[in-house]
């Protein structure tokens, strides 16, 4: 399995768990998983040869999403699980 295909597979898993959390009406946790899935998608898109001229913008979007996911994860740890 190529590394880009692996990124899309992880994105699919995260988005599927996010949709499951939406069905359970757990919006904060659903947003965590959906944003993490989006970060994997943008990271995989940054590695696509056809999108090389957009690579810098895709990498910036990826890192912004990763930072948001990190902050949201810490928020959930602090206020939901502790």
C-alpha atoms as a PDB file:
ATOM      1  CA  UNK A   1       0.000   0.000   0.000  1.00  0.00           C
ATOM      2  CA  UNK A   2       1.454   3.347  -0.989  1.00  0.00           C
ATOM      3  CA  UNK A   3       1.860   6.101   1.552  1.00  0.00           C
ATOM      4  CA  UNK A   4      -0.716   8.335  -0.149  1.00  0.00           C
ATOM      5  CA  UNK A   5      -3.282   5.533  -0.267  1.00  0.00           C
ATOM      6  CA  UNK A   6      -2.590   4.878   3.423  1.00  0.00           C
ATOM      7  CA  UNK A   7      -3.342   8.551   4.180  1.00  0.00           C
ATOM      8  CA  UNK A   8      -6.700   8.262   2.443  1.00  0.00           C
ATOM      9  CA  UNK A   9      -7.462   5.038   4.343  1.00  0.00           C
ATOM     10  CA  UNK A  10      -6.775   6.718   7.685  1.00  0.00           C
ATOM     11  CA  UNK A  11      -8.892   9.687   6.593  1.00  0.00           C
ATOM     12  CA  UNK A  12     -11.759   7.336   5.773  1.00  0.00           C
ATOM     13  CA  UNK A  13     -11.477   5.665   9.184  1.00  0.00           C
ATOM     14  CA  UNK A  14     -11.439   8.986  11.041  1.00  0.00           C
ATOM     15  CA  UNK A  15     -14.381  10.356   9.053  1.00  0.00           C
ATOM     16  CA  UNK A  16     -16.353   7.132   9.612  1.00  0.00           C
ATOM     17  CA  UNK A  17     -15.792   7.402  13.373  1.00  0.00           C
ATOM     18  CA  UNK A  18     -16.764  11.092  13.173  1.00  0.00           C
ATOM     19  CA  UNK A  19     -20.034  10.226  11.455  1.00  0.00           C
ATOM     20  CA  UNK A  20     -20.653   7.563  14.106  1.00  0.00           C
ATOM     21  CA  UNK A  21     -20.130  10.193  16.807  1.00  0.00           C
ATOM     22  CA  UNK A  22     -22.584  12.476  14.986  1.00  0.00           C
ATOM     23  CA  UNK A  23     -25.163   9.686  15.069  1.00  0.00           C
ATOM     24  CA  UNK A  24     -24.540   9.397  18.831  1.00  0.00           C
ATOM     25  CA  UNK A  25     -25.071  13.212  19.088  1.00  0.00           C
ATOM     26  CA  UNK A  26     -21.573  13.788  20.494  1.00  0.00           C
ATOM     27  CA  UNK A  27     -20.708  16.924  18.530  1.00  0.00           C
ATOM     28  CA  UNK A  28     -17.362  17.864  20.162  1.00  0.00           C
ATOM     29  CA  UNK A  29     -15.898  14.414  19.623  1.00  0.00           C
ATOM     30  CA  UNK A  30     -17.375  14.192  16.120  1.00  0.00           C
ATOM     31  CA  UNK A  31     -15.702  17.464  15.186  1.00  0.00           C
ATOM     32  CA  UNK A  32     -12.384  16.106  16.485  1.00  0.00           C
ATOM     33  CA  UNK A  33     -12.549  13.034  14.258  1.00  0.00           C
ATOM     34  CA  UNK A  34     -13.880  14.893  11.220  1.00  0.00           C
ATOM     35  CA  UNK A  35     -11.152  17.536  11.429  1.00  0.00           C
ATOM     36  CA  UNK A  36      -8.500  14.840  11.859  1.00  0.00           C
ATOM     37  CA  UNK A  37      -9.862  13.088   8.759  1.00  0.00           C
ATOM     38  CA  UNK A  38      -9.740  16.366   6.848  1.00  0.00           C
ATOM     39  CA  UNK A  39      -6.119  16.853   7.931  1.00  0.00           C
ATOM     40  CA  UNK A  40      -5.231  13.422   6.547  1.00  0.00           C
ATOM     41  CA  UNK A  41      -6.992  14.241   3.266  1.00  0.00           C
ATOM     42  CA  UNK A  42      -5.190  17.566   2.835  1.00  0.00           C
ATOM     43  CA  UNK A  43      -1.880  15.915   3.721  1.00  0.00           C
ATOM     44  CA  UNK A  44      -2.454  13.270   1.060  1.00  0.00           C
ATOM     45  CA  UNK A  45      -3.447  15.923  -1.472  1.00  0.00           C
ATOM     46  CA  UNK A  46      -0.178  17.749  -0.789  1.00  0.00           C
ATOM     47  CA  UNK A  47       1.662  14.647  -1.975  1.00  0.00           C
ATOM     48  CA  UNK A  48      -0.233  14.325  -5.252  1.00  0.00           C
ATOM     49  CA  UNK A  49       1.972  15.057  -8.278  1.00  0.00           C
ATOM     50  CA  UNK A  50      -0.808  16.877 -10.153  1.00  0.00           C
ATOM     51  CA  UNK A  51      -1.248  19.383  -7.311  1.00  0.00           C
ATOM     52  CA  UNK A  52       2.414  20.336  -6.969  1.00  0.00           C
ATOM     53  CA  UNK A  53       1.709  24.031  -7.582  1.00  0.00           C
ATOM     54  CA  UNK A  54      -0.710  24.043  -4.608  1.00  0.00           C
ATOM     55  CA  UNK A  55       1.602  22.054  -2.319  1.00  0.00           C
ATOM     56  CA  UNK A  56       2.523  24.979  -0.063  1.00  0.00           C
ATOM     57  CA  UNK A  57      -1.100  26.011   0.522  1.00  0.00           C
ATOM     58  CA  UNK A  58      -2.163  22.402   1.125  1.00  0.00           C
ATOM     59  CA  UNK A  59       0.648  21.959   3.647  1.00  0.00           C
ATOM     60  CA  UNK A  60      -0.389  25.145   5.450  1.00  0.00           C
ATOM     61  CA  UNK A  61      -4.010  23.967   5.608  1.00  0.00           C
ATOM     62  CA  UNK A  62      -2.823  20.589   6.900  1.00  0.00           C
ATOM     63  CA  UNK A  63      -0.797  22.152   9.718  1.00  0.00           C
ATOM     64  CA  UNK A  64      -3.629  24.498  10.687  1.00  0.00           C
ATOM     65  CA  UNK A  65      -6.005  21.533  10.892  1.00  0.00           C
ATOM     66  CA  UNK A  66      -3.483  19.566  12.955  1.00  0.00           C
ATOM     67  CA  UNK A  67      -3.147  22.489  15.380  1.00  0.00           C
ATOM     68  CA  UNK A  68      -6.935  22.796  15.687  1.00  0.00           C
ATOM     69  CA  UNK A  69      -7.249  19.056  16.295  1.00  0.00           C
ATOM     70  CA  UNK A  70      -4.555  19.249  18.980  1.00  0.00           C
ATOM     71  CA  UNK A  71      -6.288  22.099  20.808  1.00  0.00           C
ATOM     72  CA  UNK A  72      -9.672  20.383  20.527  1.00  0.00           C
ATOM     73  CA  UNK A  73      -8.162  17.125  21.805  1.00  0.00           C
ATOM     74  CA  UNK A  74      -6.720  18.888  24.855  1.00  0.00           C
ATOM     75  CA  UNK A  75     -10.082  20.596  25.433  1.00  0.00           C
ATOM     76  CA  UNK A  76     -11.884  17.255  25.322  1.00  0.00           C
ATOM     77  CA  UNK A  77      -9.354  15.699  27.672  1.00  0.00           C
ATOM     78  CA  UNK A  78      -9.755  18.477  30.171  1.00  0.00           C
ATOM     79  CA  UNK A  79     -13.501  18.994  30.166  1.00  0.00           C
ATOM     80  CA  UNK A  80     -14.996  15.701  29.019  1.00  0.00           C
ATOM     81  CA  UNK A  81     -12.797  12.945  30.390  1.00  0.00           C
ATOM     82  CA  UNK A  82     -11.289  14.376  33.572  1.00  0.00           C
END
